[in-house]
Amino acid sequence: MGSAASPLSLAATGLSAVGQISAGNTAANNAKTQGMNGLMSGFLASEDAQLAADVGRLKANQTNTFLLDRLNSQLSTADAIMGGTGATSDSPSNWAVRNRAEKVSNDYRTTQVGDINMQASADQNAAQLYMMSGLRAMDIANGNAAADRTNGLLAAGGTLLKGISGVSWS
């Protein structure tokens, strides 16, 4: 057995143990704060991406409507021109002009609206990814906080055991 430990030495051991518990709790609180910051950052990025997706879908609808209106205007103009030449609305020439105008316009409209909708879908996926990333950051932070608290308690327990190992019990 070791020599008898002085009361001052035992007090210092106790204070050291309390300090280690406090350090573990501080590290745990810092980990949780970092996790909360990650969570909030993920939520903000998610909301931004969701807004971009919503704006994209609106833009796709507006583009579709605009291009359909433009097609109808072009077809009306073609009908007026063909009518001025004496062609009837059911003439092969009139149908050929109308069919070509519709095909070109529909192909262009489909491409434009499809591209916008694809970007909106990508933005929607990004919103979900950002949300999951924020939740994962908080989950990891909670695990780190628990580990920091446990490490502080274990270090304190080791310090106490080391300190009282020098106490003479006889």
C-alpha atoms as a PDB file:
ATOM      1  CA  MET A   1       0.000   0.000   0.000  1.00  0.00           C
ATOM      2  CA  GLY A   2       1.051   3.524  -0.621  1.00  0.00           C
ATOM      3  CA  SER A   3       1.544   6.242   1.921  1.00  0.00           C
ATOM      4  CA  ALA A   4      -1.399   8.046   3.393  1.00  0.00           C
ATOM      5  CA  ALA A   5      -2.819  10.709   1.138  1.00  0.00           C
ATOM      6  CA  SER A   6      -3.249  14.146   2.629  1.00  0.00           C
ATOM      7  CA  PRO A   7      -6.718  15.710   2.757  1.00  0.00           C
ATOM      8  CA  LEU A   8      -5.470  18.393   0.392  1.00  0.00           C
ATOM      9  CA  SER A   9      -4.398  15.723  -2.115  1.00  0.00           C
ATOM     10  CA  LEU A  10      -7.826  14.043  -1.891  1.00  0.00           C
ATOM     11  CA  ALA A  11      -9.551  17.404  -2.407  1.00  0.00           C
ATOM     12  CA  ALA A  12      -7.393  18.072  -5.450  1.00  0.00           C
ATOM     13  CA  THR A  13      -8.308  14.646  -6.816  1.00  0.00           C
ATOM     14  CA  GLY A  14     -12.005  15.412  -6.334  1.00  0.00           C
ATOM     15  CA  LEU A  15     -11.690  18.809  -8.008  1.00  0.00           C
ATOM     16  CA  SER A  16      -9.808  17.267 -10.906  1.00  0.00           C
ATOM     17  CA  ALA A  17     -12.561  14.691 -11.331  1.00  0.00           C
ATOM     18  CA  VAL A  18     -15.239  17.405 -11.293  1.00  0.00           C
ATOM     19  CA  GLY A  19     -13.222  19.351 -13.869  1.00  0.00           C
ATOM     20  CA  GLN A  20     -13.129  16.316 -16.145  1.00  0.00           C
ATOM     21  CA  ILE A  21     -16.885  15.874 -15.851  1.00  0.00           C
ATOM     22  CA  SER A  22     -17.335  19.568 -16.612  1.00  0.00           C
ATOM     23  CA  ALA A  23     -15.013  19.322 -19.627  1.00  0.00           C
ATOM     24  CA  GLY A  24     -17.012  16.348 -20.909  1.00  0.00           C
ATOM     25  CA  ASN A  25     -20.274  18.253 -20.499  1.00  0.00           C
ATOM     26  CA  THR A  26     -18.817  21.323 -22.223  1.00  0.00           C
ATOM     27  CA  ALA A  27     -17.597  19.230 -25.156  1.00  0.00           C
ATOM     28  CA  ALA A  28     -21.026  17.563 -25.318  1.00  0.00           C
ATOM     29  CA  ASN A  29     -22.798  20.932 -25.394  1.00  0.00           C
ATOM     30  CA  ASN A  30     -20.420  22.164 -28.108  1.00  0.00           C
ATOM     31  CA  ALA A  31     -21.117  19.024 -30.162  1.00  0.00           C
ATOM     32  CA  LYS A  32     -24.861  19.576 -29.818  1.00  0.00           C
ATOM     33  CA  THR A  33     -24.492  23.224 -30.836  1.00  0.00           C
ATOM     34  CA  GLN A  34     -22.531  22.213 -33.927  1.00  0.00           C
ATOM     35  CA  GLY A  35     -25.204  19.657 -34.724  1.00  0.00           C
ATOM     36  CA  MET A  36     -27.947  22.239 -34.333  1.00  0.00           C
ATOM     37  CA  ASN A  37     -26.022  24.590 -36.630  1.00  0.00           C
ATOM     38  CA  GLY A  38     -25.757  21.781 -39.193  1.00  0.00           C
ATOM     39  CA  LEU A  39     -29.452  21.046 -38.824  1.00  0.00           C
ATOM     40  CA  MET A  40     -30.448  24.677 -39.311  1.00  0.00           C
ATOM     41  CA  SER A  41     -28.072  25.051 -42.266  1.00  0.00           C
ATOM     42  CA  GLY A  42     -29.594  21.947 -43.853  1.00  0.00           C
ATOM     43  CA  PHE A  43     -33.119  23.251 -43.275  1.00  0.00           C
ATOM     44  CA  LEU A  44     -32.262  26.633 -44.812  1.00  0.00           C
ATOM     45  CA  ALA A  45     -30.646  25.051 -47.861  1.00  0.00           C
ATOM     46  CA  SER A  46     -33.628  22.715 -48.148  1.00  0.00           C
ATOM     47  CA  GLU A  47     -36.087  25.604 -48.108  1.00  0.00           C
ATOM     48  CA  ASP A  48     -34.035  27.475 -50.725  1.00  0.00           C
ATOM     49  CA  ALA A  49     -33.983  24.429 -53.004  1.00  0.00           C
ATOM     50  CA  GLN A  50     -37.707  23.822 -52.450  1.00  0.00           C
ATOM     51  CA  LEU A  51     -38.434  27.426 -53.395  1.00  0.00           C
ATOM     52  CA  ALA A  52     -36.325  27.019 -56.550  1.00  0.00           C
ATOM     53  CA  ALA A  53     -38.291  23.858 -57.414  1.00  0.00           C
ATOM     54  CA  ASP A  54     -41.615  25.646 -56.915  1.00  0.00           C
ATOM     55  CA  VAL A  55     -40.476  28.594 -59.030  1.00  0.00           C
ATOM     56  CA  GLY A  56     -39.292  26.149 -61.703  1.00  0.00           C
ATOM     57  CA  ARG A  57     -42.659  24.420 -61.855  1.00  0.00           C
ATOM     58  CA  LEU A  58     -44.390  27.802 -62.131  1.00  0.00           C
ATOM     59  CA  LYS A  59     -41.985  28.848 -64.893  1.00  0.00           C
ATOM     60  CA  ALA A  60     -42.686  25.573 -66.743  1.00  0.00           C
ATOM     61  CA  ASN A  61     -46.441  26.225 -66.587  1.00  0.00           C
ATOM     62  CA  GLN A  62     -46.008  29.816 -67.737  1.00  0.00           C
ATOM     63  CA  THR A  63     -43.709  28.749 -70.578  1.00  0.00           C
ATOM     64  CA  ASN A  64     -46.194  26.087 -71.675  1.00  0.00           C
ATOM     65  CA  THR A  65     -49.057  28.584 -71.689  1.00  0.00           C
ATOM     66  CA  PHE A  66     -47.040  31.226 -73.539  1.00  0.00           C
ATOM     67  CA  LEU A  67     -45.875  28.799 -76.227  1.00  0.00           C
ATOM     68  CA  LEU A  68     -49.403  27.424 -76.733  1.00  0.00           C
ATOM     69  CA  ASP A  69     -50.722  30.972 -77.127  1.00  0.00           C
ATOM     70  CA  ARG A  70     -47.957  31.733 -79.617  1.00  0.00           C
ATOM     71  CA  LEU A  71     -48.823  28.591 -81.613  1.00  0.00           C
ATOM     72  CA  ASN A  72     -52.497  29.560 -81.735  1.00  0.00           C
ATOM     73  CA  SER A  73     -51.512  33.016 -82.963  1.00  0.00           C
ATOM     74  CA  GLN A  74     -49.260  31.521 -85.642  1.00  0.00           C
ATOM     75  CA  LEU A  75     -52.024  29.149 -86.768  1.00  0.00           C
ATOM     76  CA  SER A  76     -54.511  32.012 -86.952  1.00  0.00           C
ATOM     77  CA  THR A  77     -52.065  34.008 -89.043  1.00  0.00           C
ATOM     78  CA  ALA A  78     -51.517  31.003 -91.348  1.00  0.00           C
ATOM     79  CA  ASP A  79     -55.293  30.570 -91.713  1.00  0.00           C
ATOM     80  CA  ALA A  80     -55.683  34.246 -92.610  1.00  0.00           C
ATOM     81  CA  ILE A  81     -52.891  34.109 -95.176  1.00  0.00           C
ATOM     82  CA  MET A  82     -54.207  30.877 -96.696  1.00  0.00           C
ATOM     83  CA  GLY A  83     -57.734  32.338 -96.767  1.00  0.00           C
ATOM     84  CA  GLY A  84     -56.380  35.385 -98.613  1.00  0.00           C
ATOM     85  CA  THR A  85     -55.011  33.110-101.314  1.00  0.00           C
ATOM     86  CA  GLY A  86     -58.372  31.460-101.795  1.00  0.00           C
ATOM     87  CA  ALA A  87     -57.412  28.167-100.124  1.00  0.00           C
ATOM     88  CA  THR A  88     -60.114  26.611 -97.959  1.00  0.00           C
ATOM     89  CA  SER A  89     -59.485  25.560 -94.391  1.00  0.00           C
ATOM     90  CA  ASP A  90     -59.617  21.904 -95.397  1.00  0.00           C
ATOM     91  CA  SER A  91     -57.207  22.216 -98.317  1.00  0.00           C
ATOM     92  CA  PRO A  92     -54.067  20.052 -98.329  1.00  0.00           C
ATOM     93  CA  SER A  93     -51.858  23.158 -98.446  1.00  0.00           C
ATOM     94  CA  ASN A  94     -53.520  24.624 -95.384  1.00  0.00           C
ATOM     95  CA  TRP A  95     -53.200  21.339 -93.496  1.00  0.00           C
ATOM     96  CA  ALA A  96     -49.540  20.980 -94.471  1.00  0.00           C
ATOM     97  CA  VAL A  97     -48.710  24.470 -93.172  1.00  0.00           C
ATOM     98  CA  ARG A  98     -50.712  23.959 -89.979  1.00  0.00           C
ATOM     99  CA  ASN A  99     -49.264  20.493 -89.300  1.00  0.00           C
ATOM    100  CA  ARG A 100     -45.691  21.713 -89.784  1.00  0.00           C
ATOM    101  CA  ALA A 101     -46.229  24.747 -87.560  1.00  0.00           C
ATOM    102  CA  GLU A 102     -47.811  22.577 -84.856  1.00  0.00           C
ATOM    103  CA  LYS A 103     -45.001  20.005 -84.990  1.00  0.00           C
ATOM    104  CA  VAL A 104     -42.226  22.575 -84.747  1.00  0.00           C
ATOM    105  CA  SER A 105     -44.003  24.453 -81.990  1.00  0.00           C
ATOM    106  CA  ASN A 106     -44.907  21.332 -79.985  1.00  0.00           C
ATOM    107  CA  ASP A 107     -41.370  19.944 -80.244  1.00  0.00           C
ATOM    108  CA  TYR A 108     -39.930  23.240 -79.037  1.00  0.00           C
ATOM    109  CA  ARG A 109     -42.519  23.582 -76.262  1.00  0.00           C
ATOM    110  CA  THR A 110     -42.002  19.988 -75.088  1.00  0.00           C
ATOM    111  CA  THR A 111     -38.240  20.514 -74.924  1.00  0.00           C
ATOM    112  CA  GLN A 112     -38.449  23.849 -73.128  1.00  0.00           C
ATOM    113  CA  VAL A 113     -41.040  22.756 -70.564  1.00  0.00           C
ATOM    114  CA  GLY A 114     -39.282  19.407 -70.075  1.00  0.00           C
ATOM    115  CA  ASP A 115     -35.934  21.101 -69.381  1.00  0.00           C
ATOM    116  CA  ILE A 116     -37.504  23.441 -66.840  1.00  0.00           C
ATOM    117  CA  ASN A 117     -39.343  20.581 -65.132  1.00  0.00           C
ATOM    118  CA  MET A 118     -36.146  18.513 -64.981  1.00  0.00           C
ATOM    119  CA  GLN A 119     -34.378  21.373 -63.192  1.00  0.00           C
ATOM    120  CA  ALA A 120     -37.331  21.709 -60.820  1.00  0.00           C
ATOM    121  CA  SER A 121     -37.094  17.979 -60.060  1.00  0.00           C
ATOM    122  CA  ALA A 122     -33.356  18.322 -59.416  1.00  0.00           C
ATOM    123  CA  ASP A 123     -34.065  21.216 -57.055  1.00  0.00           C
ATOM    124  CA  GLN A 124     -36.718  19.118 -55.281  1.00  0.00           C
ATOM    125  CA  ASN A 125     -34.222  16.272 -54.855  1.00  0.00           C
ATOM    126  CA  ALA A 126     -31.629  18.702 -53.533  1.00  0.00           C
ATOM    127  CA  ALA A 127     -34.157  19.989 -50.994  1.00  0.00           C
ATOM    128  CA  GLN A 128     -34.656  16.466 -49.674  1.00  0.00           C
ATOM    129  CA  LEU A 129     -30.908  15.824 -49.596  1.00  0.00           C
ATOM    130  CA  TYR A 130     -30.249  19.025 -47.646  1.00  0.00           C
ATOM    131  CA  MET A 131     -32.972  18.136 -45.164  1.00  0.00           C
ATOM    132  CA  MET A 132     -31.557  14.639 -44.647  1.00  0.00           C
ATOM    133  CA  SER A 133     -28.053  16.090 -44.313  1.00  0.00           C
ATOM    134  CA  GLY A 134     -29.206  18.459 -41.574  1.00  0.00           C
ATOM    135  CA  LEU A 135     -30.961  15.664 -39.703  1.00  0.00           C
ATOM    136  CA  ARG A 136     -27.877  13.467 -40.027  1.00  0.00           C
ATOM    137  CA  ALA A 137     -25.665  16.259 -38.649  1.00  0.00           C
ATOM    138  CA  MET A 138     -27.895  16.489 -35.588  1.00  0.00           C
ATOM    139  CA  ASP A 139     -27.899  12.712 -35.148  1.00  0.00           C
ATOM    140  CA  ILE A 140     -24.088  12.566 -35.311  1.00  0.00           C
ATOM    141  CA  ALA A 141     -23.820  15.486 -32.899  1.00  0.00           C
ATOM    142  CA  ASN A 142     -26.054  13.722 -30.374  1.00  0.00           C
ATOM    143  CA  GLY A 143     -23.836  10.632 -30.602  1.00  0.00           C
ATOM    144  CA  ASN A 144     -20.714  12.741 -30.144  1.00  0.00           C
ATOM    145  CA  ALA A 145     -22.281  14.536 -27.176  1.00  0.00           C
ATOM    146  CA  ALA A 146     -23.100  11.230 -25.475  1.00  0.00           C
ATOM    147  CA  ALA A 147     -19.531  10.019 -26.085  1.00  0.00           C
ATOM    148  CA  ASP A 148     -18.077  13.273 -24.688  1.00  0.00           C
ATOM    149  CA  ARG A 149     -20.167  12.977 -21.520  1.00  0.00           C
ATOM    150  CA  THR A 150     -19.193   9.325 -21.079  1.00  0.00           C
ATOM    151  CA  ASN A 151     -15.512  10.152 -21.614  1.00  0.00           C
ATOM    152  CA  GLY A 152     -15.719  12.907 -19.006  1.00  0.00           C
ATOM    153  CA  LEU A 153     -17.311  10.549 -16.480  1.00  0.00           C
ATOM    154  CA  LEU A 154     -14.802   7.773 -17.166  1.00  0.00           C
ATOM    155  CA  ALA A 155     -11.860  10.172 -16.872  1.00  0.00           C
ATOM    156  CA  ALA A 156     -13.283  11.488 -13.603  1.00  0.00           C
ATOM    157  CA  GLY A 157     -13.745   7.960 -12.285  1.00  0.00           C
ATOM    158  CA  GLY A 158     -10.145   7.096 -13.198  1.00  0.00           C
ATOM    159  CA  THR A 159      -8.869  10.210 -11.463  1.00  0.00           C
ATOM    160  CA  LEU A 160     -10.851   9.393  -8.319  1.00  0.00           C
ATOM    161  CA  LEU A 161      -9.641   5.802  -8.254  1.00  0.00           C
ATOM    162  CA  LYS A 162      -6.047   6.922  -8.757  1.00  0.00           C
ATOM    163  CA  GLY A 163      -6.404   9.511  -6.004  1.00  0.00           C
ATOM    164  CA  ILE A 164      -7.901   7.170  -3.424  1.00  0.00           C
ATOM    165  CA  SER A 165      -5.485   4.367  -4.270  1.00  0.00           C
ATOM    166  CA  GLY A 166      -2.895   6.203  -2.194  1.00  0.00           C
ATOM    167  CA  VAL A 167      -5.137   6.291   0.883  1.00  0.00           C
ATOM    168  CA  SER A 168      -3.998   4.112   3.753  1.00  0.00           C
ATOM    169  CA  TRP A 169      -7.009   2.200   5.050  1.00  0.00           C
ATOM    170  CA  SER A 170      -5.401   0.896   8.214  1.00  0.00           C
END
